[in-house]
Amino acid sequence: MKKVTDERLILRMLKNFRISFLVQNAFLIGVLIWQLFHGKHFEAVVAYQNIPFAALMVGVWTEVVLSVNVRAVIDDQPKVRWQRFVWHGALAFVAFSGFFYWLIGNQVTPGKHVWISLLCGAVVAAVPVGMEIYANHFRSTDDE
């Protein structure tokens, strides 16, 4: 298979990808609306156990992650120092771990699930910090 080098064809192919993504998402949203109107509860429709919702979320999260390398270049900001990532990560870790501890502590005996709340806080904090580090890769090399 030959590589496409004509810019008009590349733009047309990108437009076709965008249209197919929109049609696919419109269909999945239509299926979810159909499920709501045919008696399924809202919590059952917007759950990852529901295959159309999971497929929609996979597409949406993929688009969010892949658009980072375009937005970071357009922002035209200098690279961020590693100290800022450590600070953001620590702040998010403490906030989310505290939230999960409060959430789990209200449901079960307090102090019993500290490690689970710390693990959940670390996982949730790793996502935005990871996206910041990924976006920083595409920024210019100027200092702050």
N, C-alpha and C. Protein backbone atom coordinates (compact mmCIF):
# COMPACT_ATOMS: atom_id res chain seq x y z
N MET A 1 0.84 -1.17 0.00
CA MET A 1 0.00 0.00 0.00
C MET A 1 0.89 1.24 0.00
N LYS A 2 0.63 2.16 -0.93
CA LYS A 2 1.46 3.35 -1.05
C LYS A 2 1.02 4.42 -0.05
N LYS A 3 1.99 5.19 0.42
CA LYS A 3 1.72 6.28 1.34
C LYS A 3 1.13 7.46 0.56
N VAL A 4 0.07 8.05 1.11
CA VAL A 4 -0.59 9.19 0.47
C VAL A 4 0.24 10.43 0.76
N THR A 5 0.64 11.14 -0.31
CA THR A 5 1.46 12.34 -0.14
C THR A 5 0.74 13.61 -0.59
N ASP A 6 -0.34 13.49 -1.33
CA ASP A 6 -1.08 14.65 -1.80
C ASP A 6 -1.85 15.26 -0.63
N GLU A 7 -1.64 16.56 -0.39
CA GLU A 7 -2.28 17.22 0.75
C GLU A 7 -3.79 17.23 0.64
N ARG A 8 -4.33 17.36 -0.56
CA ARG A 8 -5.78 17.35 -0.73
C ARG A 8 -6.37 16.01 -0.32
N LEU A 9 -5.67 14.93 -0.68
CA LEU A 9 -6.16 13.61 -0.30
C LEU A 9 -6.02 13.37 1.20
N ILE A 10 -4.96 13.88 1.80
CA ILE A 10 -4.77 13.73 3.24
C ILE A 10 -5.88 14.47 3.98
N LEU A 11 -6.17 15.71 3.56
CA LEU A 11 -7.25 16.46 4.19
C LEU A 11 -8.60 15.78 4.00
N ARG A 12 -8.83 15.22 2.81
CA ARG A 12 -10.07 14.49 2.55
C ARG A 12 -10.18 13.25 3.44
N MET A 13 -9.07 12.54 3.61
CA MET A 13 -9.07 11.36 4.46
C MET A 13 -9.34 11.74 5.91
N LEU A 14 -8.75 12.83 6.38
CA LEU A 14 -9.02 13.29 7.74
C LEU A 14 -10.48 13.71 7.91
N LYS A 15 -11.03 14.33 6.88
CA LYS A 15 -12.44 14.71 6.93
C LYS A 15 -13.32 13.46 6.97
N ASN A 16 -12.95 12.43 6.22
CA ASN A 16 -13.71 11.18 6.24
C ASN A 16 -13.64 10.53 7.63
N PHE A 17 -12.46 10.54 8.28
CA PHE A 17 -12.34 10.00 9.63
C PHE A 17 -13.25 10.76 10.60
N ARG A 18 -13.26 12.08 10.48
CA ARG A 18 -14.08 12.89 11.36
C ARG A 18 -15.56 12.59 11.17
N ILE A 19 -15.99 12.48 9.91
CA ILE A 19 -17.39 12.19 9.62
C ILE A 19 -17.77 10.81 10.14
N SER A 20 -16.91 9.82 9.93
CA SER A 20 -17.22 8.47 10.41
C SER A 20 -17.27 8.43 11.94
N PHE A 21 -16.40 9.18 12.61
CA PHE A 21 -16.42 9.26 14.08
C PHE A 21 -17.72 9.90 14.56
N LEU A 22 -18.16 10.96 13.88
CA LEU A 22 -19.41 11.62 14.26
C LEU A 22 -20.61 10.70 14.04
N VAL A 23 -20.64 9.98 12.93
CA VAL A 23 -21.75 9.06 12.66
C VAL A 23 -21.77 7.94 13.69
N GLN A 24 -20.61 7.39 13.99
CA GLN A 24 -20.53 6.33 14.99
C GLN A 24 -21.03 6.81 16.35
N ASN A 25 -20.59 7.98 16.79
CA ASN A 25 -21.02 8.50 18.08
C ASN A 25 -22.50 8.86 18.07
N ALA A 26 -23.01 9.39 16.96
CA ALA A 26 -24.44 9.69 16.87
C ALA A 26 -25.26 8.42 16.99
N PHE A 27 -24.79 7.33 16.37
CA PHE A 27 -25.49 6.05 16.48
C PHE A 27 -25.47 5.54 17.92
N LEU A 28 -24.32 5.61 18.58
CA LEU A 28 -24.23 5.14 19.97
C LEU A 28 -25.10 5.97 20.90
N ILE A 29 -25.12 7.28 20.71
CA ILE A 29 -25.98 8.14 21.52
C ILE A 29 -27.45 7.81 21.24
N GLY A 30 -27.78 7.54 19.97
CA GLY A 30 -29.14 7.14 19.63
C GLY A 30 -29.55 5.84 20.31
N VAL A 31 -28.65 4.87 20.36
CA VAL A 31 -28.94 3.60 21.05
C VAL A 31 -29.16 3.85 22.54
N LEU A 32 -28.35 4.71 23.15
CA LEU A 32 -28.52 5.01 24.57
C LEU A 32 -29.84 5.71 24.84
N ILE A 33 -30.24 6.63 23.97
CA ILE A 33 -31.53 7.30 24.12
C ILE A 33 -32.66 6.30 23.94
N TRP A 34 -32.51 5.40 22.97
CA TRP A 34 -33.53 4.36 22.75
C TRP A 34 -33.68 3.49 23.99
N GLN A 35 -32.54 3.16 24.63
CA GLN A 35 -32.61 2.35 25.85
C GLN A 35 -33.33 3.10 26.97
N LEU A 36 -33.11 4.41 27.07
CA LEU A 36 -33.80 5.20 28.10
C LEU A 36 -35.30 5.22 27.86
N PHE A 37 -35.72 5.39 26.61
CA PHE A 37 -37.14 5.45 26.31
C PHE A 37 -37.85 4.11 26.41
N HIS A 38 -37.10 3.03 26.40
CA HIS A 38 -37.71 1.71 26.49
C HIS A 38 -37.57 1.09 27.88
N GLY A 39 -37.52 1.92 28.90
CA GLY A 39 -37.66 1.46 30.26
C GLY A 39 -36.41 1.17 31.05
N LYS A 40 -35.23 1.32 30.49
CA LYS A 40 -34.02 1.11 31.27
C LYS A 40 -33.80 2.31 32.18
N HIS A 41 -33.33 2.06 33.37
CA HIS A 41 -33.02 3.15 34.30
C HIS A 41 -31.78 3.89 33.83
N PHE A 42 -31.70 5.18 34.19
CA PHE A 42 -30.58 6.02 33.77
C PHE A 42 -29.25 5.45 34.25
N GLU A 43 -29.22 4.93 35.49
CA GLU A 43 -27.99 4.37 36.04
C GLU A 43 -27.53 3.14 35.26
N ALA A 44 -28.48 2.39 34.71
CA ALA A 44 -28.13 1.21 33.92
C ALA A 44 -27.63 1.59 32.53
N VAL A 45 -28.13 2.71 32.01
CA VAL A 45 -27.72 3.14 30.67
C VAL A 45 -26.32 3.72 30.70
N VAL A 46 -26.02 4.57 31.70
CA VAL A 46 -24.71 5.22 31.77
C VAL A 46 -23.78 4.45 32.70
N ALA A 47 -23.67 3.16 32.50
CA ALA A 47 -22.76 2.30 33.25
C ALA A 47 -21.82 1.62 32.27
N TYR A 48 -20.61 1.36 32.70
CA TYR A 48 -19.63 0.73 31.80
C TYR A 48 -19.98 -0.72 31.49
N GLN A 49 -20.95 -1.30 32.20
CA GLN A 49 -21.41 -2.64 31.85
C GLN A 49 -22.31 -2.61 30.61
N ASN A 50 -22.83 -1.44 30.27
CA ASN A 50 -23.64 -1.27 29.07
C ASN A 50 -22.68 -1.07 27.89
N ILE A 51 -22.68 -1.99 26.95
CA ILE A 51 -21.71 -2.01 25.86
C ILE A 51 -21.75 -0.73 25.00
N PRO A 52 -22.91 -0.20 24.58
CA PRO A 52 -22.89 1.04 23.79
C PRO A 52 -22.28 2.21 24.55
N PHE A 53 -22.56 2.32 25.84
CA PHE A 53 -21.97 3.41 26.63
C PHE A 53 -20.46 3.24 26.75
N ALA A 54 -20.01 2.01 26.98
CA ALA A 54 -18.57 1.75 27.07
C ALA A 54 -17.88 2.07 25.75
N ALA A 55 -18.51 1.71 24.63
CA ALA A 55 -17.92 2.01 23.32
C ALA A 55 -17.84 3.51 23.09
N LEU A 56 -18.88 4.24 23.49
CA LEU A 56 -18.88 5.69 23.36
C LEU A 56 -17.78 6.32 24.19
N MET A 57 -17.61 5.84 25.42
CA MET A 57 -16.58 6.39 26.29
C MET A 57 -15.17 6.07 25.80
N VAL A 58 -14.97 4.89 25.23
CA VAL A 58 -13.66 4.56 24.67
C VAL A 58 -13.32 5.55 23.55
N GLY A 59 -14.27 5.85 22.69
CA GLY A 59 -14.04 6.82 21.62
C GLY A 59 -13.79 8.21 22.14
N VAL A 60 -14.56 8.63 23.14
CA VAL A 60 -14.42 9.98 23.69
C VAL A 60 -13.07 10.13 24.40
N TRP A 61 -12.69 9.16 25.23
CA TRP A 61 -11.42 9.26 25.95
C TRP A 61 -10.24 9.16 25.01
N THR A 62 -10.36 8.38 23.96
CA THR A 62 -9.30 8.31 22.95
C THR A 62 -9.13 9.66 22.27
N GLU A 63 -10.24 10.30 21.92
CA GLU A 63 -10.18 11.62 21.29
C GLU A 63 -9.55 12.65 22.23
N VAL A 64 -9.90 12.59 23.50
CA VAL A 64 -9.33 13.54 24.47
C VAL A 64 -7.82 13.38 24.57
N VAL A 65 -7.36 12.15 24.70
CA VAL A 65 -5.92 11.91 24.86
C VAL A 65 -5.17 12.26 23.58
N LEU A 66 -5.73 11.90 22.42
CA LEU A 66 -5.03 12.18 21.17
C LEU A 66 -5.04 13.66 20.80
N SER A 67 -5.99 14.43 21.31
CA SER A 67 -6.02 15.86 20.99
C SER A 67 -5.03 16.65 21.83
N VAL A 68 -4.43 16.04 22.83
CA VAL A 68 -3.47 16.75 23.68
C VAL A 68 -2.27 17.21 22.86
N ASN A 69 -1.77 16.36 21.96
CA ASN A 69 -0.58 16.76 21.21
C ASN A 69 -0.87 17.88 20.22
N VAL A 70 -2.11 18.09 19.84
CA VAL A 70 -2.46 19.22 18.97
C VAL A 70 -2.66 20.48 19.80
N ARG A 71 -3.38 20.37 20.90
CA ARG A 71 -3.63 21.53 21.75
C ARG A 71 -2.36 22.07 22.37
N ALA A 72 -1.43 21.22 22.74
CA ALA A 72 -0.19 21.68 23.36
C ALA A 72 0.65 22.49 22.38
N VAL A 73 0.64 22.12 21.12
CA VAL A 73 1.39 22.87 20.11
C VAL A 73 0.72 24.20 19.84
N ILE A 74 -0.61 24.22 19.81
CA ILE A 74 -1.35 25.45 19.54
C ILE A 74 -1.22 26.43 20.70
N ASP A 75 -1.16 25.93 21.94
CA ASP A 75 -1.06 26.81 23.11
C ASP A 75 0.18 27.68 23.06
N ASP A 76 1.25 27.19 22.45
CA ASP A 76 2.50 27.94 22.30
C ASP A 76 3.02 28.44 23.65
N GLN A 77 3.05 27.57 24.61
CA GLN A 77 3.55 27.89 25.94
C GLN A 77 4.91 27.23 26.13
N PRO A 78 5.74 27.79 27.01
CA PRO A 78 7.04 27.15 27.27
C PRO A 78 6.86 25.87 28.08
N LYS A 79 7.90 25.04 28.06
CA LYS A 79 7.87 23.80 28.84
C LYS A 79 7.76 24.12 30.32
N VAL A 80 7.09 23.24 31.03
CA VAL A 80 6.89 23.40 32.47
C VAL A 80 7.98 22.62 33.20
N ARG A 81 8.45 23.16 34.30
CA ARG A 81 9.47 22.48 35.09
C ARG A 81 8.88 21.28 35.81
N TRP A 82 9.75 20.32 36.13
CA TRP A 82 9.31 19.09 36.79
C TRP A 82 8.79 19.35 38.19
N GLN A 83 9.24 20.42 38.86
CA GLN A 83 8.76 20.73 40.20
C GLN A 83 7.26 21.00 40.19
N ARG A 84 6.77 21.61 39.12
CA ARG A 84 5.33 21.89 39.02
C ARG A 84 4.54 20.59 38.90
N PHE A 85 5.07 19.61 38.16
CA PHE A 85 4.39 18.32 38.04
C PHE A 85 4.34 17.61 39.39
N VAL A 86 5.45 17.67 40.12
CA VAL A 86 5.49 17.04 41.44
C VAL A 86 4.48 17.72 42.37
N TRP A 87 4.42 19.03 42.32
CA TRP A 87 3.47 19.78 43.16
C TRP A 87 2.03 19.44 42.78
N HIS A 88 1.71 19.44 41.50
CA HIS A 88 0.36 19.09 41.06
C HIS A 88 0.00 17.66 41.43
N GLY A 89 0.95 16.75 41.24
CA GLY A 89 0.72 15.35 41.58
C GLY A 89 0.48 15.15 43.07
N ALA A 90 1.29 15.81 43.90
CA ALA A 90 1.13 15.68 45.35
C ALA A 90 -0.20 16.27 45.80
N LEU A 91 -0.56 17.42 45.26
CA LEU A 91 -1.83 18.05 45.62
C LEU A 91 -3.02 17.19 45.20
N ALA A 92 -2.98 16.67 43.99
CA ALA A 92 -4.06 15.81 43.52
C ALA A 92 -4.12 14.51 44.33
N PHE A 93 -2.96 13.95 44.66
CA PHE A 93 -2.92 12.72 45.44
C PHE A 93 -3.56 12.92 46.81
N VAL A 94 -3.19 14.00 47.48
CA VAL A 94 -3.73 14.26 48.81
C VAL A 94 -5.24 14.52 48.73
N ALA A 95 -5.65 15.32 47.74
CA ALA A 95 -7.09 15.63 47.61
C ALA A 95 -7.91 14.39 47.30
N PHE A 96 -7.49 13.61 46.32
CA PHE A 96 -8.27 12.43 45.94
C PHE A 96 -8.20 11.33 46.99
N SER A 97 -7.05 11.16 47.63
CA SER A 97 -6.96 10.15 48.69
C SER A 97 -7.87 10.52 49.85
N GLY A 98 -7.88 11.80 50.20
CA GLY A 98 -8.79 12.26 51.26
C GLY A 98 -10.24 12.06 50.88
N PHE A 99 -10.57 12.35 49.63
CA PHE A 99 -11.95 12.16 49.17
C PHE A 99 -12.34 10.69 49.23
N PHE A 100 -11.48 9.81 48.74
CA PHE A 100 -11.80 8.39 48.77
C PHE A 100 -11.85 7.86 50.20
N TYR A 101 -10.98 8.36 51.08
CA TYR A 101 -11.03 7.93 52.47
C TYR A 101 -12.35 8.37 53.10
N TRP A 102 -12.77 9.59 52.82
CA TRP A 102 -14.05 10.07 53.34
C TRP A 102 -15.19 9.26 52.77
N LEU A 103 -15.14 8.96 51.47
CA LEU A 103 -16.20 8.20 50.83
C LEU A 103 -16.28 6.77 51.37
N ILE A 104 -15.13 6.10 51.49
CA ILE A 104 -15.12 4.73 52.00
C ILE A 104 -15.37 4.72 53.50
N GLY A 105 -14.85 5.71 54.22
CA GLY A 105 -15.02 5.76 55.66
C GLY A 105 -16.46 5.94 56.08
N ASN A 106 -17.27 6.60 55.26
CA ASN A 106 -18.69 6.75 55.58
C ASN A 106 -19.47 5.47 55.33
N GLN A 107 -18.94 4.60 54.50
CA GLN A 107 -19.65 3.37 54.17
C GLN A 107 -19.28 2.22 55.09
N VAL A 108 -18.04 2.14 55.53
CA VAL A 108 -17.56 1.05 56.38
C VAL A 108 -16.88 1.63 57.60
N THR A 109 -16.28 0.80 58.39
CA THR A 109 -15.64 1.27 59.62
C THR A 109 -14.46 2.20 59.29
N PRO A 110 -14.35 3.32 59.98
CA PRO A 110 -13.26 4.27 59.70
C PRO A 110 -11.89 3.68 60.01
N GLY A 111 -10.91 4.03 59.18
CA GLY A 111 -9.54 3.62 59.38
C GLY A 111 -9.21 2.24 58.87
N LYS A 112 -10.17 1.54 58.32
CA LYS A 112 -9.92 0.17 57.91
C LYS A 112 -9.36 0.08 56.49
N HIS A 113 -9.74 1.01 55.63
CA HIS A 113 -9.36 0.93 54.22
C HIS A 113 -8.48 2.10 53.80
N VAL A 114 -7.47 2.40 54.59
CA VAL A 114 -6.57 3.51 54.28
C VAL A 114 -5.78 3.21 53.00
N TRP A 115 -5.28 2.00 52.87
CA TRP A 115 -4.44 1.66 51.71
C TRP A 115 -5.25 1.70 50.42
N ILE A 116 -6.49 1.29 50.48
CA ILE A 116 -7.33 1.34 49.27
C ILE A 116 -7.57 2.77 48.86
N SER A 117 -7.84 3.65 49.82
CA SER A 117 -8.06 5.06 49.47
C SER A 117 -6.78 5.70 48.95
N LEU A 118 -5.63 5.33 49.50
CA LEU A 118 -4.36 5.86 48.98
C LEU A 118 -4.08 5.37 47.56
N LEU A 119 -4.36 4.11 47.30
CA LEU A 119 -4.18 3.56 45.96
C LEU A 119 -5.12 4.22 44.95
N CYS A 120 -6.38 4.39 45.33
CA CYS A 120 -7.34 5.05 44.43
C CYS A 120 -6.94 6.50 44.18
N GLY A 121 -6.47 7.19 45.22
CA GLY A 121 -6.01 8.57 45.05
C GLY A 121 -4.81 8.66 44.13
N ALA A 122 -3.89 7.70 44.23
CA ALA A 122 -2.72 7.70 43.36
C ALA A 122 -3.10 7.44 41.91
N VAL A 123 -4.01 6.52 41.69
CA VAL A 123 -4.42 6.21 40.32
C VAL A 123 -5.14 7.41 39.70
N VAL A 124 -6.05 8.00 40.44
CA VAL A 124 -6.81 9.13 39.90
C VAL A 124 -5.89 10.34 39.70
N ALA A 125 -4.94 10.58 40.58
CA ALA A 125 -4.02 11.71 40.44
C ALA A 125 -3.04 11.50 39.29
N ALA A 126 -2.74 10.25 38.97
CA ALA A 126 -1.79 9.97 37.90
C ALA A 126 -2.33 10.35 36.53
N VAL A 127 -3.64 10.33 36.35
CA VAL A 127 -4.21 10.63 35.03
C VAL A 127 -3.98 12.09 34.62
N PRO A 128 -4.41 13.10 35.41
CA PRO A 128 -4.15 14.48 34.96
C PRO A 128 -2.67 14.84 34.91
N VAL A 129 -1.89 14.32 35.85
CA VAL A 129 -0.45 14.62 35.83
C VAL A 129 0.20 13.97 34.61
N GLY A 130 -0.23 12.76 34.28
CA GLY A 130 0.29 12.11 33.07
C GLY A 130 -0.06 12.87 31.81
N MET A 131 -1.28 13.41 31.76
CA MET A 131 -1.67 14.21 30.59
C MET A 131 -0.88 15.51 30.53
N GLU A 132 -0.59 16.11 31.68
CA GLU A 132 0.25 17.32 31.70
C GLU A 132 1.66 17.01 31.21
N ILE A 133 2.22 15.91 31.65
CA ILE A 133 3.57 15.53 31.21
C ILE A 133 3.57 15.25 29.71
N TYR A 134 2.54 14.58 29.22
CA TYR A 134 2.43 14.29 27.78
C TYR A 134 2.31 15.58 26.98
N ALA A 135 1.51 16.54 27.45
CA ALA A 135 1.37 17.83 26.77
C ALA A 135 2.66 18.63 26.82
N ASN A 136 3.40 18.51 27.91
CA ASN A 136 4.65 19.23 28.05
C ASN A 136 5.68 18.77 27.03
N HIS A 137 5.58 17.54 26.60
CA HIS A 137 6.50 16.99 25.60
C HIS A 137 6.42 17.77 24.28
N PHE A 138 5.26 18.33 23.94
CA PHE A 138 5.05 19.01 22.66
C PHE A 138 5.24 20.52 22.75
N ARG A 139 5.54 21.05 23.91
CA ARG A 139 5.72 22.49 24.05
C ARG A 139 7.13 22.91 23.66
N SER A 140 7.30 24.20 23.46
CA SER A 140 8.61 24.72 23.06
C SER A 140 9.60 24.60 24.22
N THR A 141 10.87 24.69 23.93
CA THR A 141 11.91 24.46 24.92
C THR A 141 12.31 25.71 25.68
N ASP A 142 11.57 26.82 25.53
CA ASP A 142 11.90 28.04 26.27
C ASP A 142 11.67 27.82 27.75
N ASP A 143 12.46 28.52 28.60
CA ASP A 143 12.28 28.44 30.05
C ASP A 143 11.13 29.34 30.46
N GLU A 144 10.57 29.03 31.65
CA GLU A 144 9.46 29.86 32.17
C GLU A 144 9.95 31.20 32.62
